[in-house]
C-alpha atoms as a PDB file:
ATOM      1  CA  MET A   1      24.696 -30.153 -65.903  1.00  0.00           C
ATOM      2  CA  ASN A   2      26.496 -28.548 -61.726  1.00  0.00           C
ATOM      3  CA  GLN A   3      25.396 -31.266 -59.646  1.00  0.00           C
ATOM      4  CA  ARG A   4      27.864 -29.511 -57.283  1.00  0.00           C
ATOM      5  CA  ILE A   5      26.815 -28.796 -53.778  1.00  0.00           C
ATOM      6  CA  THR A   6      27.645 -25.954 -52.155  1.00  0.00           C
ATOM      7  CA  ARG A   7      26.841 -24.638 -48.786  1.00  0.00           C
ATOM      8  CA  ARG A   8      24.022 -22.457 -49.617  1.00  0.00           C
ATOM      9  CA  GLU A   9      22.358 -24.930 -51.554  1.00  0.00           C
ATOM     10  CA  ALA A  10      22.623 -27.786 -49.186  1.00  0.00           C
ATOM     11  CA  ALA A  11      20.799 -24.776 -46.509  1.00  0.00           C
ATOM     12  CA  LEU A  12      18.257 -23.778 -48.765  1.00  0.00           C
ATOM     13  CA  GLY A  13      17.366 -28.211 -49.097  1.00  0.00           C
ATOM     14  CA  ALA A  14      17.125 -28.452 -45.618  1.00  0.00           C
ATOM     15  CA  ALA A  15      15.220 -25.096 -45.345  1.00  0.00           C
ATOM     16  CA  VAL A  16      12.779 -26.095 -48.076  1.00  0.00           C
ATOM     17  CA  VAL A  17      12.027 -29.717 -46.355  1.00  0.00           C
ATOM     18  CA  GLY A  18      11.955 -27.536 -42.866  1.00  0.00           C
ATOM     19  CA  LEU A  19       8.846 -25.257 -44.961  1.00  0.00           C
ATOM     20  CA  ALA A  20       7.471 -28.644 -46.203  1.00  0.00           C
ATOM     21  CA  ALA A  21       7.056 -29.878 -42.556  1.00  0.00           C
ATOM     22  CA  CYS A  22       5.643 -26.623 -40.872  1.00  0.00           C
ATOM     23  CA  SER A  23       3.275 -25.494 -44.032  1.00  0.00           C
ATOM     24  CA  ARG A  24       1.051 -28.938 -43.574  1.00  0.00           C
ATOM     25  CA  GLY A  25       0.991 -29.249 -39.903  1.00  0.00           C
ATOM     26  CA  PRO A  26      -2.519 -31.163 -38.280  1.00  0.00           C
ATOM     27  CA  GLU A  27      -4.115 -27.693 -37.384  1.00  0.00           C
ATOM     28  CA  GLY A  28      -5.781 -25.031 -39.281  1.00  0.00           C
ATOM     29  CA  PRO A  29      -8.934 -24.363 -41.532  1.00  0.00           C
ATOM     30  CA  LYS A  30      -9.767 -27.115 -43.857  1.00  0.00           C
ATOM     31  CA  PRO A  31      -8.359 -26.798 -47.598  1.00  0.00           C
ATOM     32  CA  LEU A  32     -10.451 -26.128 -50.522  1.00  0.00           C
ATOM     33  CA  VAL A  33     -10.807 -28.180 -53.652  1.00  0.00           C
ATOM     34  CA  SER A  34     -12.476 -26.930 -56.638  1.00  0.00           C
ATOM     35  CA  ILE A  35     -14.370 -29.366 -59.357  1.00  0.00           C
ATOM     36  CA  VAL A  36     -15.579 -27.054 -62.333  1.00  0.00           C
ATOM     37  CA  LYS A  37     -16.990 -28.974 -65.260  1.00  0.00           C
ATOM     38  CA  ALA A  38     -15.515 -29.085 -68.601  1.00  0.00           C
ATOM     39  CA  ALA A  39     -17.067 -30.339 -71.116  1.00  0.00           C
ATOM     40  CA  THR A  40     -14.954 -29.712 -74.375  1.00  0.00           C
ATOM     41  CA  TYR A  41     -11.263 -28.293 -74.883  1.00  0.00           C
ATOM     42  CA  GLY A  42     -12.827 -25.611 -76.161  1.00  0.00           C
ATOM     43  CA  GLU A  43     -14.650 -24.350 -74.023  1.00  0.00           C
ATOM     44  CA  ASP A  44     -13.175 -20.543 -72.584  1.00  0.00           C
ATOM     45  CA  PHE A  45      -9.908 -22.276 -69.769  1.00  0.00           C
ATOM     46  CA  LEU A  46      -8.723 -18.762 -69.377  1.00  0.00           C
ATOM     47  CA  GLN A  47     -11.685 -18.075 -67.651  1.00  0.00           C
ATOM     48  CA  LYS A  48     -12.381 -20.675 -65.690  1.00  0.00           C
ATOM     49  CA  LEU A  49      -8.899 -20.615 -64.452  1.00  0.00           C
ATOM     50  CA  ARG A  50      -9.254 -17.297 -63.001  1.00  0.00           C
ATOM     51  CA  SER A  51     -12.081 -17.965 -61.527  1.00  0.00           C
ATOM     52  CA  ILE A  52     -10.380 -21.116 -59.827  1.00  0.00           C
ATOM     53  CA  LEU A  53      -7.305 -18.907 -58.866  1.00  0.00           C
ATOM     54  CA  THR A  54      -9.390 -16.092 -57.772  1.00  0.00           C
ATOM     55  CA  GLU A  55     -11.985 -18.185 -55.453  1.00  0.00           C
ATOM     56  CA  HIS A  56      -8.550 -19.943 -53.624  1.00  0.00           C
ATOM     57  CA  LYS A  57      -6.764 -16.981 -53.146  1.00  0.00           C
ATOM     58  CA  VAL A  58      -3.710 -17.834 -55.070  1.00  0.00           C
ATOM     59  CA  ASP A  59      -1.601 -14.849 -54.731  1.00  0.00           C
ATOM     60  CA  VAL A  60       1.437 -14.604 -57.519  1.00  0.00           C
ATOM     61  CA  ARG A  61       2.172 -11.018 -58.053  1.00  0.00           C
ATOM     62  CA  GLY A  62       5.344 -10.519 -58.461  1.00  0.00           C
ATOM     63  CA  LYS A  63       6.310 -14.087 -58.440  1.00  0.00           C
ATOM     64  CA  ARG A  64       7.725 -17.238 -60.299  1.00  0.00           C
ATOM     65  CA  VAL A  65       5.287 -19.493 -61.253  1.00  0.00           C
ATOM     66  CA  VAL A  66       6.739 -22.129 -62.915  1.00  0.00           C
ATOM     67  CA  LEU A  67       3.714 -24.794 -64.583  1.00  0.00           C
ATOM     68  CA  LYS A  68       4.087 -29.280 -64.452  1.00  0.00           C
ATOM     69  CA  PRO A  69       1.907 -30.424 -66.590  1.00  0.00           C
ATOM     70  CA  ASN A  70       2.287 -34.296 -67.483  1.00  0.00           C
ATOM     71  CA  LEU A  71       4.053 -35.200 -70.902  1.00  0.00           C
ATOM     72  CA  VAL A  72       4.788 -38.589 -71.274  1.00  0.00           C
ATOM     73  CA  GLU A  73       4.431 -39.586 -74.490  1.00  0.00           C
ATOM     74  CA  PHE A  74       2.257 -38.902 -77.416  1.00  0.00           C
ATOM     75  CA  ASP A  75      -0.530 -40.585 -79.671  1.00  0.00           C
ATOM     76  CA  PRO A  76      -3.273 -39.104 -80.948  1.00  0.00           C
ATOM     77  CA  ALA A  77      -5.535 -42.194 -80.644  1.00  0.00           C
ATOM     78  CA  THR A  78      -5.471 -41.570 -77.086  1.00  0.00           C
ATOM     79  CA  ALA A  79      -5.329 -39.025 -74.069  1.00  0.00           C
ATOM     80  CA  ILE A  80      -1.608 -39.172 -72.182  1.00  0.00           C
ATOM     81  CA  ASN A  81      -0.535 -35.949 -71.491  1.00  0.00           C
ATOM     82  CA  THR A  82      -2.009 -33.092 -70.242  1.00  0.00           C
ATOM     83  CA  SER A  83      -4.000 -30.657 -72.550  1.00  0.00           C
ATOM     84  CA  PRO A  84      -2.003 -28.023 -74.069  1.00  0.00           C
ATOM     85  CA  VAL A  85      -4.915 -26.052 -74.204  1.00  0.00           C
ATOM     86  CA  LEU A  86      -5.593 -26.425 -70.606  1.00  0.00           C
ATOM     87  CA  VAL A  87      -1.453 -25.493 -70.280  1.00  0.00           C
ATOM     88  CA  ALA A  88      -1.646 -22.206 -72.397  1.00  0.00           C
ATOM     89  CA  ALA A  89      -4.339 -20.935 -69.984  1.00  0.00           C
ATOM     90  CA  ALA A  90      -3.184 -21.408 -67.190  1.00  0.00           C
ATOM     91  CA  LEU A  91      -0.118 -19.384 -68.743  1.00  0.00           C
ATOM     92  CA  GLU A  92      -2.503 -16.766 -69.046  1.00  0.00           C
ATOM     93  CA  ALA A  93      -3.939 -17.017 -66.199  1.00  0.00           C
ATOM     94  CA  PHE A  94      -0.739 -16.412 -63.827  1.00  0.00           C
ATOM     95  CA  ARG A  95       0.263 -13.570 -65.764  1.00  0.00           C
ATOM     96  CA  SER A  96      -3.044 -11.547 -66.425  1.00  0.00           C
ATOM     97  CA  MET A  97      -2.516 -12.476 -62.374  1.00  0.00           C
ATOM     98  CA  GLY A  98       0.428 -10.268 -62.263  1.00  0.00           C
ATOM     99  CA  ALA A  99       3.251 -13.282 -62.305  1.00  0.00           C
ATOM    100  CA  ALA A 100       6.960 -12.142 -62.894  1.00  0.00           C
ATOM    101  CA  SER A 101       7.022 -15.051 -64.664  1.00  0.00           C
ATOM    102  CA  VAL A 102       5.688 -18.197 -65.958  1.00  0.00           C
ATOM    103  CA  GLN A 103       7.548 -21.470 -67.244  1.00  0.00           C
ATOM    104  CA  ILE A 104       6.716 -24.879 -68.165  1.00  0.00           C
ATOM    105  CA  ALA A 105       8.894 -27.604 -67.194  1.00  0.00           C
ATOM    106  CA  GLU A 106       8.788 -31.010 -67.382  1.00  0.00           C
ATOM    107  CA  GLY A 107      11.455 -34.142 -67.357  1.00  0.00           C
ATOM    108  CA  PRO A 108       9.958 -37.123 -69.259  1.00  0.00           C
ATOM    109  CA  GLY A 109      10.464 -40.988 -67.695  1.00  0.00           C
ATOM    110  CA  HIS A 110      11.527 -41.766 -70.927  1.00  0.00           C
ATOM    111  CA  ARG A 111      14.188 -41.203 -73.044  1.00  0.00           C
ATOM    112  CA  ARG A 112      12.884 -39.443 -75.674  1.00  0.00           C
ATOM    113  CA  ASN A 113      13.681 -35.927 -77.627  1.00  0.00           C
ATOM    114  CA  THR A 114      11.916 -34.138 -75.260  1.00  0.00           C
ATOM    115  CA  LEU A 115      10.533 -30.954 -77.700  1.00  0.00           C
ATOM    116  CA  GLU A 116       9.900 -32.926 -80.444  1.00  0.00           C
ATOM    117  CA  MET A 117       7.552 -34.670 -78.523  1.00  0.00           C
ATOM    118  CA  ALA A 118       5.714 -31.325 -76.839  1.00  0.00           C
ATOM    119  CA  GLU A 119       5.295 -30.784 -80.426  1.00  0.00           C
ATOM    120  CA  ALA A 120       3.985 -33.962 -81.464  1.00  0.00           C
ATOM    121  CA  ALA A 121       1.443 -33.235 -78.469  1.00  0.00           C
ATOM    122  CA  GLY A 122       0.714 -29.210 -79.964  1.00  0.00           C
ATOM    123  CA  TYR A 123       2.151 -27.692 -77.244  1.00  0.00           C
ATOM    124  CA  PHE A 124       4.214 -25.536 -79.937  1.00  0.00           C
ATOM    125  CA  ALA A 125       0.852 -24.616 -81.781  1.00  0.00           C
ATOM    126  CA  SER A 126      -0.862 -23.758 -78.457  1.00  0.00           C
ATOM    127  CA  ILE A 127       1.680 -21.717 -76.693  1.00  0.00           C
ATOM    128  CA  ARG A 128       3.599 -19.262 -78.027  1.00  0.00           C
ATOM    129  CA  ASP A 129       6.788 -19.235 -77.890  1.00  0.00           C
ATOM    130  CA  PHE A 130       7.327 -22.470 -76.294  1.00  0.00           C
ATOM    131  CA  GLU A 131      10.812 -23.736 -76.424  1.00  0.00           C
ATOM    132  CA  ALA A 132      11.726 -19.861 -74.517  1.00  0.00           C
ATOM    133  CA  ARG A 133      10.241 -21.119 -71.907  1.00  0.00           C
ATOM    134  CA  PHE A 134      10.244 -24.560 -71.364  1.00  0.00           C
ATOM    135  CA  THR A 135      13.312 -26.152 -69.511  1.00  0.00           C
ATOM    136  CA  ASP A 136      13.947 -29.279 -69.468  1.00  0.00           C
ATOM    137  CA  LEU A 137      14.382 -30.746 -66.347  1.00  0.00           C
ATOM    138  CA  ASN A 138      15.980 -33.848 -66.985  1.00  0.00           C
ATOM    139  CA  LEU A 139      18.767 -31.809 -68.032  1.00  0.00           C
ATOM    140  CA  ASP A 140      18.696 -29.103 -65.792  1.00  0.00           C
ATOM    141  CA  ASP A 141      21.392 -28.095 -63.271  1.00  0.00           C
ATOM    142  CA  VAL A 142      20.554 -29.162 -59.933  1.00  0.00           C
ATOM    143  CA  SER A 143      21.118 -29.965 -56.056  1.00  0.00           C
ATOM    144  CA  ARG A 144      20.812 -32.283 -53.756  1.00  0.00           C
ATOM    145  CA  VAL A 145      17.809 -31.955 -50.924  1.00  0.00           C
ATOM    146  CA  ASP A 146      18.135 -33.864 -47.738  1.00  0.00           C
ATOM    147  CA  LEU A 147      14.355 -35.727 -47.118  1.00  0.00           C
ATOM    148  CA  ALA A 148      13.517 -35.147 -43.534  1.00  0.00           C
ATOM    149  CA  ARG A 149      10.650 -37.603 -42.663  1.00  0.00           C
ATOM    150  CA  ARG A 150      11.282 -40.473 -45.068  1.00  0.00           C
ATOM    151  CA  GLN A 151       8.681 -42.775 -46.695  1.00  0.00           C
ATOM    152  CA  SER A 152      10.714 -44.275 -48.968  1.00  0.00           C
ATOM    153  CA  LEU A 153      14.377 -46.087 -48.982  1.00  0.00           C
ATOM    154  CA  LEU A 154      15.944 -42.166 -50.174  1.00  0.00           C
ATOM    155  CA  ARG A 155      17.527 -39.902 -47.827  1.00  0.00           C
ATOM    156  CA  SER A 156      18.301 -37.639 -50.261  1.00  0.00           C
ATOM    157  CA  ILE A 157      17.651 -36.625 -53.531  1.00  0.00           C
ATOM    158  CA  TYR A 158      18.859 -34.399 -56.429  1.00  0.00           C
ATOM    159  CA  LEU A 159      15.963 -31.988 -57.889  1.00  0.00           C
ATOM    160  CA  PRO A 160      16.116 -29.124 -60.170  1.00  0.00           C
ATOM    161  CA  HIS A 161      17.118 -25.341 -59.780  1.00  0.00           C
ATOM    162  CA  THR A 162      14.255 -24.088 -62.045  1.00  0.00           C
ATOM    163  CA  ALA A 163      11.246 -26.341 -60.096  1.00  0.00           C
ATOM    164  CA  MET A 164      12.914 -25.806 -56.812  1.00  0.00           C
ATOM    165  CA  GLY A 165      13.154 -22.326 -57.341  1.00  0.00           C
ATOM    166  CA  ALA A 166       9.680 -21.242 -58.307  1.00  0.00           C
ATOM    167  CA  ASP A 167       8.258 -19.123 -55.762  1.00  0.00           C
ATOM    168  CA  LEU A 168       4.838 -21.502 -56.617  1.00  0.00           C
ATOM    169  CA  LEU A 169       5.018 -25.081 -58.862  1.00  0.00           C
ATOM    170  CA  VAL A 170       1.751 -25.997 -59.965  1.00  0.00           C
ATOM    171  CA  SER A 171       1.391 -29.579 -60.760  1.00  0.00           C
ATOM    172  CA  MET A 172      -0.862 -30.024 -63.971  1.00  0.00           C
ATOM    173  CA  PRO A 173      -1.772 -33.807 -64.681  1.00  0.00           C
ATOM    174  CA  LYS A 174      -3.758 -35.827 -66.618  1.00  0.00           C
ATOM    175  CA  MET A 175      -6.208 -37.538 -64.907  1.00  0.00           C
ATOM    176  CA  LYS A 176      -5.562 -41.540 -65.114  1.00  0.00           C
ATOM    177  CA  THR A 177      -5.325 -44.767 -62.960  1.00  0.00           C
ATOM    178  CA  HIS A 178      -2.179 -45.577 -62.948  1.00  0.00           C
ATOM    179  CA  HIS A 179      -0.770 -49.863 -63.294  1.00  0.00           C
ATOM    180  CA  TRP A 180       1.060 -49.691 -60.177  1.00  0.00           C
ATOM    181  CA  VAL A 181      -0.388 -47.471 -57.808  1.00  0.00           C
ATOM    182  CA  GLY A 182      -4.267 -47.028 -59.144  1.00  0.00           C
ATOM    183  CA  ALA A 183      -4.409 -43.878 -59.964  1.00  0.00           C
ATOM    184  CA  THR A 184      -1.602 -41.020 -60.797  1.00  0.00           C
ATOM    185  CA  LEU A 185      -3.062 -37.506 -60.504  1.00  0.00           C
ATOM    186  CA  SER A 186      -0.868 -34.267 -59.291  1.00  0.00           C
ATOM    187  CA  MET A 187       1.253 -36.129 -56.762  1.00  0.00           C
ATOM    188  CA  LYS A 188       2.779 -38.681 -59.316  1.00  0.00           C
ATOM    189  CA  ASN A 189       2.859 -36.053 -61.583  1.00  0.00           C
ATOM    190  CA  LEU A 190       5.969 -34.718 -59.048  1.00  0.00           C
ATOM    191  CA  PHE A 191       8.445 -37.820 -60.903  1.00  0.00           C
ATOM    192  CA  GLY A 192       8.862 -35.665 -63.499  1.00  0.00           C
ATOM    193  CA  LEU A 193      11.422 -32.990 -61.194  1.00  0.00           C
ATOM    194  CA  VAL A 194      13.610 -36.343 -60.986  1.00  0.00           C
ATOM    195  CA  PRO A 195      15.788 -35.858 -63.265  1.00  0.00           C
ATOM    196  CA  GLY A 196      16.719 -38.503 -65.857  1.00  0.00           C
ATOM    197  CA  GLY A 197      20.103 -36.357 -66.529  1.00  0.00           C
ATOM    198  CA  VAL A 198      20.786 -37.638 -63.164  1.00  0.00           C
ATOM    199  CA  TYR A 199      18.973 -40.592 -62.437  1.00  0.00           C
ATOM    200  CA  GLY A 200      18.979 -42.760 -65.926  1.00  0.00           C
ATOM    201  CA  TRP A 201      15.515 -43.708 -67.970  1.00  0.00           C
ATOM    202  CA  PRO A 202      13.171 -44.772 -66.173  1.00  0.00           C
ATOM    203  CA  LYS A 203      14.388 -43.188 -63.229  1.00  0.00           C
ATOM    204  CA  ASN A 204      14.392 -46.422 -62.383  1.00  0.00           C
ATOM    205  CA  ILE A 205      15.199 -45.116 -58.467  1.00  0.00           C
ATOM    206  CA  LEU A 206      12.441 -44.296 -57.911  1.00  0.00           C
ATOM    207  CA  HIS A 207      10.820 -47.760 -58.461  1.00  0.00           C
ATOM    208  CA  TRP A 208      13.622 -49.327 -56.501  1.00  0.00           C
ATOM    209  CA  SER A 209      13.326 -46.813 -53.902  1.00  0.00           C
ATOM    210  CA  GLY A 210       8.816 -47.484 -53.250  1.00  0.00           C
ATOM    211  CA  ILE A 211       6.953 -46.376 -55.868  1.00  0.00           C
ATOM    212  CA  PRO A 212       4.470 -44.379 -52.790  1.00  0.00           C
ATOM    213  CA  GLY A 213       7.387 -43.410 -50.525  1.00  0.00           C
ATOM    214  CA  CYS A 214       9.224 -41.843 -53.218  1.00  0.00           C
ATOM    215  CA  ILE A 215       5.749 -39.899 -54.349  1.00  0.00           C
ATOM    216  CA  ALA A 216       4.812 -39.049 -50.313  1.00  0.00           C
ATOM    217  CA  ASP A 217       8.572 -37.655 -49.988  1.00  0.00           C
ATOM    218  CA  LEU A 218       8.214 -35.376 -53.065  1.00  0.00           C
ATOM    219  CA  HIS A 219       5.423 -34.186 -52.396  1.00  0.00           C
ATOM    220  CA  ALA A 220       6.675 -32.866 -48.497  1.00  0.00           C
ATOM    221  CA  ALA A 221       9.891 -32.025 -50.588  1.00  0.00           C
ATOM    222  CA  ILE A 222       8.275 -28.917 -52.228  1.00  0.00           C
ATOM    223  CA  PRO A 223       6.599 -26.020 -50.120  1.00  0.00           C
ATOM    224  CA  GLN A 224       4.648 -23.831 -52.451  1.00  0.00           C
ATOM    225  CA  HIS A 225       2.616 -25.562 -54.693  1.00  0.00           C
ATOM    226  CA  PHE A 226      -0.959 -25.863 -56.744  1.00  0.00           C
ATOM    227  CA  ALA A 227      -2.908 -28.410 -58.422  1.00  0.00           C
ATOM    228  CA  ILE A 228      -4.921 -28.198 -61.802  1.00  0.00           C
ATOM    229  CA  VAL A 229      -5.811 -32.001 -62.927  1.00  0.00           C
ATOM    230  CA  ASP A 230      -6.846 -31.927 -66.305  1.00  0.00           C
ATOM    231  CA  GLY A 231     -10.060 -34.307 -66.154  1.00  0.00           C
ATOM    232  CA  VAL A 232     -11.479 -32.984 -69.403  1.00  0.00           C
ATOM    233  CA  ILE A 233     -10.521 -36.068 -71.052  1.00  0.00           C
ATOM    234  CA  GLY A 234      -8.893 -38.465 -68.535  1.00  0.00           C
ATOM    235  CA  MET A 235      -7.428 -42.312 -69.641  1.00  0.00           C
ATOM    236  CA  GLU A 236      -8.929 -45.186 -67.892  1.00  0.00           C
ATOM    237  CA  GLY A 237      -8.071 -49.139 -67.382  1.00  0.00           C
ATOM    238  CA  ASN A 238      -4.150 -50.161 -67.993  1.00  0.00           C
ATOM    239  CA  GLY A 239      -2.900 -46.510 -67.930  1.00  0.00           C
ATOM    240  CA  PRO A 240      -1.172 -44.257 -67.359  1.00  0.00           C
ATOM    241  CA  ILE A 241       0.021 -44.981 -71.709  1.00  0.00           C
ATOM    242  CA  GLN A 242      -2.037 -47.906 -72.207  1.00  0.00           C
ATOM    243  CA  GLY A 243      -5.196 -47.309 -71.214  1.00  0.00           C
ATOM    244  CA  THR A 244      -8.341 -45.288 -72.803  1.00  0.00           C
ATOM    245  CA  PRO A 245      -9.522 -42.356 -73.335  1.00  0.00           C
ATOM    246  CA  LYS A 246     -12.689 -41.367 -70.871  1.00  0.00           C
ATOM    247  CA  ALA A 247     -14.183 -38.299 -70.250  1.00  0.00           C
ATOM    248  CA  ALA A 248     -15.000 -36.822 -67.427  1.00  0.00           C
ATOM    249  CA  GLY A 249     -15.854 -33.251 -68.085  1.00  0.00           C
ATOM    250  CA  VAL A 250     -13.779 -31.905 -65.101  1.00  0.00           C
ATOM    251  CA  ILE A 251     -10.948 -29.944 -63.664  1.00  0.00           C
ATOM    252  CA  VAL A 252      -9.881 -30.330 -60.130  1.00  0.00           C
ATOM    253  CA  ALA A 253      -7.775 -27.835 -58.292  1.00  0.00           C
ATOM    254  CA  GLY A 254      -6.607 -26.936 -55.568  1.00  0.00           C
ATOM    255  CA  ALA A 255      -3.538 -25.961 -53.098  1.00  0.00           C
ATOM    256  CA  ASP A 256      -3.338 -28.762 -51.303  1.00  0.00           C
ATOM    257  CA  MET A 257      -2.724 -32.272 -52.992  1.00  0.00           C
ATOM    258  CA  VAL A 258      -3.370 -34.679 -50.840  1.00  0.00           C
ATOM    259  CA  ALA A 259      -6.916 -33.476 -50.684  1.00  0.00           C
ATOM    260  CA  VAL A 260      -6.965 -32.589 -54.434  1.00  0.00           C
ATOM    261  CA  ASP A 261      -5.937 -36.320 -55.538  1.00  0.00           C
ATOM    262  CA  ALA A 262      -8.318 -37.789 -53.266  1.00  0.00           C
ATOM    263  CA  THR A 263     -11.085 -35.364 -54.574  1.00  0.00           C
ATOM    264  CA  CYS A 264      -9.903 -37.292 -58.437  1.00  0.00           C
ATOM    265  CA  CYS A 265      -9.993 -40.428 -57.041  1.00  0.00           C
ATOM    266  CA  ARG A 266     -13.792 -40.069 -56.110  1.00  0.00           C
ATOM    267  CA  VAL A 267     -14.751 -38.441 -58.873  1.00  0.00           C
ATOM    268  CA  MET A 268     -13.320 -41.509 -60.623  1.00  0.00           C
ATOM    269  CA  GLY A 269     -14.889 -44.124 -58.630  1.00  0.00           C
ATOM    270  CA  ILE A 270     -11.826 -44.860 -56.805  1.00  0.00           C
ATOM    271  CA  ASP A 271     -11.193 -45.415 -52.979  1.00  0.00           C
ATOM    272  CA  PRO A 272      -8.807 -42.851 -51.770  1.00  0.00           C
ATOM    273  CA  GLY A 273      -7.975 -45.053 -48.709  1.00  0.00           C
ATOM    274  CA  LYS A 274      -6.685 -47.312 -50.930  1.00  0.00           C
ATOM    275  CA  LEU A 275      -3.922 -45.340 -52.630  1.00  0.00           C
ATOM    276  CA  ARG A 276      -1.109 -46.377 -50.355  1.00  0.00           C
ATOM    277  CA  TYR A 277       1.004 -42.833 -51.425  1.00  0.00           C
ATOM    278  CA  LEU A 278      -1.952 -41.080 -50.025  1.00  0.00           C
ATOM    279  CA  ARG A 279      -2.027 -42.565 -46.625  1.00  0.00           C
ATOM    280  CA  LEU A 280       1.607 -41.872 -46.587  1.00  0.00           C
ATOM    281  CA  ALA A 281       1.415 -38.393 -47.087  1.00  0.00           C
ATOM    282  CA  GLU A 282       1.654 -36.599 -43.697  1.00  0.00           C
ATOM    283  CA  ASP A 283      -1.417 -34.590 -44.217  1.00  0.00           C
ATOM    284  CA  ARG A 284      -3.304 -37.723 -44.878  1.00  0.00           C
ATOM    285  CA  ARG A 285      -5.803 -36.921 -42.638  1.00  0.00           C
ATOM    286  CA  GLN A 286      -7.302 -34.409 -45.444  1.00  0.00           C
ATOM    287  CA  ALA A 287      -7.665 -37.145 -47.973  1.00  0.00           C
ATOM    288  CA  GLN A 288     -10.885 -37.669 -45.697  1.00  0.00           C
ATOM    289  CA  GLU A 289     -14.252 -36.213 -47.533  1.00  0.00           C
ATOM    290  CA  THR A 290     -14.576 -34.819 -43.947  1.00  0.00           C
ATOM    291  CA  GLN A 291     -11.521 -32.946 -44.299  1.00  0.00           C
ATOM    292  CA  VAL A 292     -12.194 -30.620 -47.301  1.00  0.00           C
ATOM    293  CA  GLN A 293     -14.373 -27.799 -48.236  1.00  0.00           C
ATOM    294  CA  GLN A 294     -15.790 -28.536 -51.794  1.00  0.00           C
ATOM    295  CA  ILE A 295     -16.722 -25.477 -54.180  1.00  0.00           C
ATOM    296  CA  GLY A 296     -17.566 -25.916 -57.485  1.00  0.00           C
ATOM    297  CA  GLU A 297     -19.471 -29.079 -58.481  1.00  0.00           C
ATOM    298  CA  SER A 298     -20.395 -32.098 -55.872  1.00  0.00           C
ATOM    299  CA  VAL A 299     -18.797 -35.347 -56.359  1.00  0.00           C
ATOM    300  CA  ALA A 300     -22.062 -36.795 -56.960  1.00  0.00           C
ATOM    301  CA  SER A 301     -22.578 -34.508 -59.731  1.00  0.00           C
ATOM    302  CA  VAL A 302     -19.967 -35.653 -61.215  1.00  0.00           C
ATOM    303  CA  ARG A 303     -18.961 -38.834 -61.147  1.00  0.00           C
ATOM    304  CA  THR A 304     -17.659 -41.575 -63.666  1.00  0.00           C
ATOM    305  CA  ASP A 305     -16.432 -44.490 -62.679  1.00  0.00           C
ATOM    306  CA  PHE A 306     -12.532 -45.148 -64.801  1.00  0.00           C
ATOM    307  CA  GLN A 307     -12.738 -48.570 -65.758  1.00  0.00           C
ATOM    308  CA  LEU A 308      -9.866 -50.594 -63.334  1.00  0.00           C
ATOM    309  CA  ILE A 309      -7.496 -53.958 -64.294  1.00  0.00           C
ATOM    310  CA  ARG A 310      -8.118 -56.517 -61.971  1.00  0.00           C
ATOM    311  CA  GLU A 311      -5.089 -55.810 -59.328  1.00  0.00           C
ATOM    312  CA  PHE A 312      -7.182 -53.137 -58.325  1.00  0.00           C
ATOM    313  CA  SER A 313     -10.633 -53.959 -58.579  1.00  0.00           C
ATOM    314  CA  ASN A 314     -10.744 -54.098 -55.081  1.00  0.00           C
ATOM    315  CA  PHE A 315     -10.234 -50.046 -54.954  1.00  0.00           C
ATOM    316  CA  ARG A 316     -13.515 -49.507 -56.483  1.00  0.00           C
ATOM    317  CA  LEU A 317     -15.449 -46.601 -54.198  1.00  0.00           C
ATOM    318  CA  LYS A 318     -18.395 -47.757 -52.920  1.00  0.00           C
ATOM    319  CA  ALA A 319     -21.593 -46.237 -54.413  1.00  0.00           C
END
């Protein structure tokens, strides 16, 4: 792994942060967020995702796309990871829309053999040539990125070339509760970008520096992104690993992660105003329901309250 930082790489890091800040100004139209019903993993995800990308005018012709699922642990009795069936459909959807390349990348927070875990979770069976398309972000080459508008104790962070070199990074989390921050969705999924090869496992630097602030900082450091949330079967209770499966029957998607995550919270019966990382985000106003242009299903028609642990009982969204 090459951790030497050249002047060019330092300039790239500064440009990334500057572009992120410019792309999230207070002006402009309301962000689009799609809610699409999907009762089972046997549905035609390819058609659903192509429709979503078309509605959002996502142009990936000739571009490099990196899909970042949530791959943490594997237990066949529960629902921890992003479904490989949904990831496979996303790969085909972006390819069919003219992407020059579509890669899959993840950096699990626990020290495991990542490929063995991916195989157990069904990724090899669902995605042709998975190993050739996959990058373990824990072991990728890295560059240092300075954090311009810090919400955490971090001043800079090393991030992997595969993710930072993408023209579009697609966060594909599982819709889950989280025993430290309340809910883990597209923004929290960015923790998988932080390389264990640099920071060790389970990436305690993010815990020591303040989890909500680190979520906001990572979100600000990624200039071009899109979110596709796997809410077909999520996780409630003591998530993100030890909770129980919860059928929500939806896919939630959009280019604005704050708006997407706030919408997911409402689907889950969680008040997004209670999530500190949403309050810390630069474009936090877009967590407000009135600031989102909702398309597809309405929140009210698909809301299914996720069980919350006692510490977050006051996060319940009022009816």
